[in-house]
Amino acid sequence: MHPLDLVRSSFDNWSDAELGALSVAMRVARQACVESKPEAYSGEDLYELARLCSLGQQWGAANTIALQYIASGAEAHRTQAYILSMNSLMRAGDTIAAIWSARLFLYQRKSEKLV
């Protein structure tokens, strides 16, 4: 038997209902991201907004909001915010910026361990 995550890793294994639900979720997330005002969010809510924009495939907004979360100094989802930023940059086709973001993340992690 295959674990559920292995079976679900290919959209070929998803039912029409599941694909339809994903499509609706992406459309709703896209609209919510477009209508959001990131300056009204902080902390955990700001990070969750970045995730919402990512689900809606609003790569520019997802990256910008993830970077705002990182710049806020919040630590709870810092690593995930960097990953979200890098993913958004890659999806937007800016590989060089994604690489620089990864380097910055690794440099900051190394600096933290030296302190």
N, C-alpha and C. Protein backbone atom coordinates (compact mmCIF):
# COMPACT_ATOMS: atom_id res chain seq x y z
N MET A 1 0.84 -1.18 0.00
CA MET A 1 0.00 0.00 0.00
C MET A 1 0.88 1.24 0.00
N HIS A 2 0.44 2.26 -0.75
CA HIS A 2 1.16 3.52 -0.81
C HIS A 2 0.57 4.50 0.20
N PRO A 3 1.44 5.25 0.85
CA PRO A 3 0.91 6.29 1.74
C PRO A 3 0.09 7.30 0.93
N LEU A 4 -0.86 7.93 1.60
CA LEU A 4 -1.75 8.87 0.93
C LEU A 4 -0.98 10.00 0.26
N ASP A 5 0.07 10.51 0.90
CA ASP A 5 0.80 11.61 0.29
C ASP A 5 1.50 11.19 -0.99
N LEU A 6 1.93 9.97 -1.10
CA LEU A 6 2.54 9.48 -2.33
C LEU A 6 1.48 9.36 -3.43
N VAL A 7 0.33 8.84 -3.09
CA VAL A 7 -0.76 8.70 -4.06
C VAL A 7 -1.22 10.08 -4.53
N ARG A 8 -1.33 11.03 -3.61
CA ARG A 8 -1.83 12.36 -3.94
C ARG A 8 -0.76 13.26 -4.57
N SER A 9 0.47 12.80 -4.67
CA SER A 9 1.52 13.64 -5.23
C SER A 9 1.35 13.89 -6.73
N SER A 10 0.56 13.09 -7.39
CA SER A 10 0.28 13.27 -8.81
C SER A 10 -1.18 13.65 -8.99
N PHE A 11 -1.42 14.72 -9.75
CA PHE A 11 -2.80 15.13 -10.00
C PHE A 11 -3.57 14.07 -10.78
N ASP A 12 -2.87 13.17 -11.42
CA ASP A 12 -3.55 12.08 -12.13
C ASP A 12 -4.36 11.21 -11.18
N ASN A 13 -3.98 11.20 -9.91
CA ASN A 13 -4.66 10.38 -8.91
C ASN A 13 -5.78 11.13 -8.19
N TRP A 14 -5.98 12.37 -8.52
CA TRP A 14 -7.02 13.17 -7.88
C TRP A 14 -8.34 12.98 -8.61
N SER A 15 -9.43 12.98 -7.86
CA SER A 15 -10.75 12.87 -8.47
C SER A 15 -11.14 14.22 -9.07
N ASP A 16 -12.17 14.19 -9.92
CA ASP A 16 -12.66 15.44 -10.51
C ASP A 16 -13.15 16.40 -9.43
N ALA A 17 -13.78 15.88 -8.38
CA ALA A 17 -14.26 16.71 -7.29
C ALA A 17 -13.10 17.38 -6.56
N GLU A 18 -12.03 16.63 -6.34
CA GLU A 18 -10.86 17.20 -5.65
C GLU A 18 -10.20 18.27 -6.51
N LEU A 19 -10.07 18.02 -7.79
CA LEU A 19 -9.49 19.02 -8.69
C LEU A 19 -10.36 20.27 -8.76
N GLY A 20 -11.67 20.07 -8.77
CA GLY A 20 -12.60 21.21 -8.77
C GLY A 20 -12.48 22.03 -7.50
N ALA A 21 -12.37 21.35 -6.36
CA ALA A 21 -12.22 22.05 -5.08
C ALA A 21 -10.92 22.84 -5.04
N LEU A 22 -9.84 22.26 -5.55
CA LEU A 22 -8.56 22.96 -5.61
C LEU A 22 -8.67 24.20 -6.49
N SER A 23 -9.33 24.06 -7.61
CA SER A 23 -9.51 25.20 -8.53
C SER A 23 -10.28 26.33 -7.86
N VAL A 24 -11.33 25.99 -7.15
CA VAL A 24 -12.12 27.00 -6.43
C VAL A 24 -11.27 27.66 -5.34
N ALA A 25 -10.54 26.85 -4.59
CA ALA A 25 -9.69 27.39 -3.52
C ALA A 25 -8.66 28.36 -4.08
N MET A 26 -8.06 28.00 -5.22
CA MET A 26 -7.06 28.88 -5.83
C MET A 26 -7.69 30.18 -6.30
N ARG A 27 -8.87 30.10 -6.87
CA ARG A 27 -9.56 31.30 -7.35
C ARG A 27 -9.94 32.22 -6.18
N VAL A 28 -10.47 31.66 -5.11
CA VAL A 28 -10.84 32.44 -3.93
C VAL A 28 -9.59 33.06 -3.29
N ALA A 29 -8.52 32.28 -3.19
CA ALA A 29 -7.26 32.79 -2.61
C ALA A 29 -6.71 33.92 -3.46
N ARG A 30 -6.76 33.78 -4.77
CA ARG A 30 -6.26 34.83 -5.68
C ARG A 30 -7.03 36.12 -5.44
N GLN A 31 -8.35 36.03 -5.37
CA GLN A 31 -9.18 37.22 -5.17
C GLN A 31 -8.92 37.85 -3.81
N ALA A 32 -8.82 37.02 -2.78
CA ALA A 32 -8.56 37.53 -1.42
C ALA A 32 -7.19 38.20 -1.35
N CYS A 33 -6.21 37.65 -2.02
CA CYS A 33 -4.87 38.25 -2.04
C CYS A 33 -4.90 39.61 -2.72
N VAL A 34 -5.55 39.67 -3.87
CA VAL A 34 -5.63 40.93 -4.63
C VAL A 34 -6.33 42.01 -3.79
N GLU A 35 -7.35 41.64 -3.05
CA GLU A 35 -8.12 42.60 -2.27
C GLU A 35 -7.50 42.93 -0.90
N SER A 36 -6.47 42.20 -0.51
CA SER A 36 -5.89 42.39 0.82
C SER A 36 -5.03 43.65 0.87
N LYS A 37 -4.84 44.13 2.07
CA LYS A 37 -3.97 45.26 2.35
C LYS A 37 -2.91 44.77 3.33
N PRO A 38 -1.74 44.34 2.80
CA PRO A 38 -0.70 43.74 3.66
C PRO A 38 -0.29 44.61 4.84
N GLU A 39 -0.37 45.93 4.69
CA GLU A 39 0.03 46.82 5.79
C GLU A 39 -0.90 46.68 7.00
N ALA A 40 -2.06 46.10 6.80
CA ALA A 40 -3.00 45.89 7.91
C ALA A 40 -2.69 44.61 8.70
N TYR A 41 -1.69 43.86 8.27
CA TYR A 41 -1.37 42.58 8.90
C TYR A 41 0.01 42.65 9.56
N SER A 42 0.19 41.79 10.56
CA SER A 42 1.50 41.67 11.20
C SER A 42 1.62 40.26 11.78
N GLY A 43 2.85 39.90 12.10
CA GLY A 43 3.11 38.61 12.75
C GLY A 43 2.58 37.42 11.98
N GLU A 44 1.95 36.52 12.70
CA GLU A 44 1.42 35.28 12.13
C GLU A 44 0.43 35.55 10.99
N ASP A 45 -0.39 36.58 11.15
CA ASP A 45 -1.37 36.91 10.11
C ASP A 45 -0.70 37.34 8.81
N LEU A 46 0.42 38.04 8.92
CA LEU A 46 1.16 38.46 7.73
C LEU A 46 1.73 37.24 7.00
N TYR A 47 2.28 36.32 7.77
CA TYR A 47 2.80 35.08 7.16
C TYR A 47 1.67 34.29 6.49
N GLU A 48 0.54 34.18 7.15
CA GLU A 48 -0.59 33.45 6.57
C GLU A 48 -1.11 34.14 5.30
N LEU A 49 -1.04 35.46 5.24
CA LEU A 49 -1.42 36.18 4.02
C LEU A 49 -0.47 35.82 2.88
N ALA A 50 0.82 35.70 3.17
CA ALA A 50 1.79 35.29 2.14
C ALA A 50 1.45 33.89 1.62
N ARG A 51 1.07 33.00 2.52
CA ARG A 51 0.68 31.64 2.11
C ARG A 51 -0.58 31.67 1.24
N LEU A 52 -1.55 32.52 1.63
CA LEU A 52 -2.78 32.66 0.87
C LEU A 52 -2.48 33.14 -0.55
N CYS A 53 -1.62 34.14 -0.67
CA CYS A 53 -1.25 34.67 -1.99
C CYS A 53 -0.52 33.61 -2.81
N SER A 54 0.27 32.79 -2.15
CA SER A 54 0.95 31.71 -2.85
C SER A 54 -0.05 30.70 -3.39
N LEU A 55 -1.04 30.34 -2.59
CA LEU A 55 -2.09 29.42 -3.05
C LEU A 55 -2.82 30.01 -4.25
N GLY A 56 -3.02 31.32 -4.23
CA GLY A 56 -3.68 32.00 -5.35
C GLY A 56 -2.75 32.29 -6.51
N GLN A 57 -1.51 31.82 -6.42
CA GLN A 57 -0.48 31.99 -7.45
C GLN A 57 -0.23 33.45 -7.79
N GLN A 58 -0.29 34.28 -6.77
CA GLN A 58 0.06 35.69 -6.89
C GLN A 58 1.51 35.82 -6.41
N TRP A 59 2.43 35.43 -7.29
CA TRP A 59 3.83 35.26 -6.89
C TRP A 59 4.49 36.54 -6.42
N GLY A 60 4.23 37.64 -7.09
CA GLY A 60 4.83 38.91 -6.67
C GLY A 60 4.37 39.31 -5.28
N ALA A 61 3.08 39.22 -5.04
CA ALA A 61 2.53 39.57 -3.73
C ALA A 61 3.02 38.60 -2.66
N ALA A 62 3.06 37.32 -2.97
CA ALA A 62 3.52 36.32 -1.99
C ALA A 62 4.96 36.61 -1.59
N ASN A 63 5.81 36.93 -2.55
CA ASN A 63 7.20 37.24 -2.26
C ASN A 63 7.31 38.50 -1.42
N THR A 64 6.63 39.55 -1.84
CA THR A 64 6.69 40.83 -1.12
C THR A 64 6.23 40.67 0.33
N ILE A 65 5.15 39.97 0.53
CA ILE A 65 4.59 39.79 1.88
C ILE A 65 5.51 38.90 2.71
N ALA A 66 6.07 37.85 2.11
CA ALA A 66 7.01 36.99 2.84
C ALA A 66 8.23 37.81 3.28
N LEU A 67 8.71 38.69 2.41
CA LEU A 67 9.85 39.54 2.77
C LEU A 67 9.47 40.54 3.87
N GLN A 68 8.24 41.03 3.86
CA GLN A 68 7.78 41.91 4.93
C GLN A 68 7.78 41.16 6.26
N TYR A 69 7.33 39.91 6.22
CA TYR A 69 7.33 39.09 7.43
C TYR A 69 8.76 38.91 7.94
N ILE A 70 9.68 38.60 7.04
CA ILE A 70 11.09 38.40 7.43
C ILE A 70 11.65 39.69 8.03
N ALA A 71 11.38 40.82 7.37
CA ALA A 71 11.89 42.11 7.82
C ALA A 71 11.31 42.52 9.18
N SER A 72 10.16 41.98 9.53
CA SER A 72 9.52 42.34 10.80
C SER A 72 10.30 41.78 11.99
N GLY A 73 11.17 40.83 11.73
CA GLY A 73 11.95 40.23 12.81
C GLY A 73 11.26 39.07 13.50
N ALA A 74 10.05 38.75 13.08
CA ALA A 74 9.33 37.62 13.67
C ALA A 74 10.10 36.34 13.37
N GLU A 75 10.15 35.46 14.33
CA GLU A 75 10.94 34.23 14.19
C GLU A 75 10.11 32.98 13.95
N ALA A 76 8.84 33.00 14.31
CA ALA A 76 8.02 31.78 14.30
C ALA A 76 8.04 31.05 12.95
N HIS A 77 7.95 31.79 11.87
CA HIS A 77 7.89 31.18 10.53
C HIS A 77 8.96 31.75 9.61
N ARG A 78 10.06 32.18 10.17
CA ARG A 78 11.11 32.83 9.38
C ARG A 78 11.64 31.92 8.27
N THR A 79 11.98 30.70 8.61
CA THR A 79 12.50 29.77 7.61
C THR A 79 11.47 29.50 6.53
N GLN A 80 10.23 29.26 6.92
CA GLN A 80 9.17 29.01 5.94
C GLN A 80 8.93 30.23 5.06
N ALA A 81 9.06 31.43 5.63
CA ALA A 81 8.88 32.65 4.84
C ALA A 81 9.97 32.78 3.79
N TYR A 82 11.21 32.43 4.15
CA TYR A 82 12.28 32.44 3.14
C TYR A 82 11.98 31.44 2.02
N ILE A 83 11.54 30.26 2.40
CA ILE A 83 11.21 29.25 1.39
C ILE A 83 10.07 29.71 0.51
N LEU A 84 9.06 30.32 1.11
CA LEU A 84 7.93 30.84 0.35
C LEU A 84 8.42 31.92 -0.63
N SER A 85 9.31 32.78 -0.16
CA SER A 85 9.87 33.83 -1.03
C SER A 85 10.64 33.21 -2.19
N MET A 86 11.50 32.25 -1.89
CA MET A 86 12.29 31.60 -2.95
C MET A 86 11.39 30.89 -3.95
N ASN A 87 10.38 30.20 -3.48
CA ASN A 87 9.45 29.51 -4.36
C ASN A 87 8.72 30.51 -5.25
N SER A 88 8.28 31.61 -4.66
CA SER A 88 7.58 32.63 -5.44
C SER A 88 8.48 33.21 -6.52
N LEU A 89 9.72 33.47 -6.17
CA LEU A 89 10.67 34.00 -7.16
C LEU A 89 10.91 33.00 -8.29
N MET A 90 11.06 31.74 -7.93
CA MET A 90 11.25 30.71 -8.96
C MET A 90 10.03 30.61 -9.87
N ARG A 91 8.84 30.62 -9.28
CA ARG A 91 7.60 30.52 -10.06
C ARG A 91 7.42 31.73 -10.97
N ALA A 92 7.92 32.90 -10.52
CA ALA A 92 7.82 34.12 -11.31
C ALA A 92 8.91 34.18 -12.38
N GLY A 93 9.82 33.20 -12.36
CA GLY A 93 10.88 33.13 -13.36
C GLY A 93 12.13 33.91 -13.02
N ASP A 94 12.27 34.35 -11.77
CA ASP A 94 13.45 35.12 -11.37
C ASP A 94 14.41 34.22 -10.57
N THR A 95 15.07 33.33 -11.28
CA THR A 95 15.96 32.35 -10.66
C THR A 95 17.11 33.02 -9.92
N ILE A 96 17.68 34.07 -10.51
CA ILE A 96 18.82 34.75 -9.88
C ILE A 96 18.42 35.32 -8.52
N ALA A 97 17.27 35.99 -8.46
CA ALA A 97 16.81 36.54 -7.18
C ALA A 97 16.54 35.43 -6.17
N ALA A 98 16.03 34.30 -6.62
CA ALA A 98 15.77 33.17 -5.72
C ALA A 98 17.09 32.64 -5.15
N ILE A 99 18.10 32.58 -5.98
CA ILE A 99 19.43 32.12 -5.51
C ILE A 99 19.99 33.09 -4.49
N TRP A 100 19.87 34.39 -4.75
CA TRP A 100 20.37 35.39 -3.80
C TRP A 100 19.59 35.34 -2.50
N SER A 101 18.31 35.08 -2.58
CA SER A 101 17.50 34.94 -1.38
C SER A 101 17.97 33.74 -0.56
N ALA A 102 18.27 32.64 -1.23
CA ALA A 102 18.77 31.45 -0.54
C ALA A 102 20.12 31.74 0.11
N ARG A 103 20.98 32.44 -0.59
CA ARG A 103 22.29 32.79 -0.03
C ARG A 103 22.15 33.67 1.20
N LEU A 104 21.25 34.67 1.12
CA LEU A 104 21.02 35.55 2.26
C LEU A 104 20.51 34.75 3.45
N PHE A 105 19.58 33.85 3.20
CA PHE A 105 19.05 33.01 4.27
C PHE A 105 20.16 32.20 4.92
N LEU A 106 20.98 31.54 4.11
CA LEU A 106 22.06 30.72 4.65
C LEU A 106 23.09 31.56 5.40
N TYR A 107 23.39 32.74 4.89
CA TYR A 107 24.33 33.63 5.56
C TYR A 107 23.79 34.05 6.92
N GLN A 108 22.51 34.41 6.97
CA GLN A 108 21.92 34.81 8.24
C GLN A 108 21.89 33.66 9.23
N ARG A 109 21.59 32.47 8.76
CA ARG A 109 21.56 31.29 9.66
C ARG A 109 22.96 31.03 10.21
N LYS A 110 23.97 31.16 9.34
CA LYS A 110 25.35 30.93 9.78
C LYS A 110 25.75 31.99 10.81
N SER A 111 25.37 33.24 10.58
CA SER A 111 25.68 34.33 11.50
C SER A 111 25.01 34.11 12.85
N GLU A 112 23.80 33.61 12.86
CA GLU A 112 23.08 33.36 14.11
C GLU A 112 23.80 32.29 14.94
N LYS A 113 24.35 31.30 14.28
CA LYS A 113 25.02 30.21 14.99
C LYS A 113 26.35 30.66 15.57
N LEU A 114 26.96 31.70 14.97
CA LEU A 114 28.24 32.19 15.47
C LEU A 114 28.07 33.04 16.70
N VAL A 115 26.91 33.56 16.92
CA VAL A 115 26.68 34.46 18.07
C VAL A 115 26.49 33.69 19.33
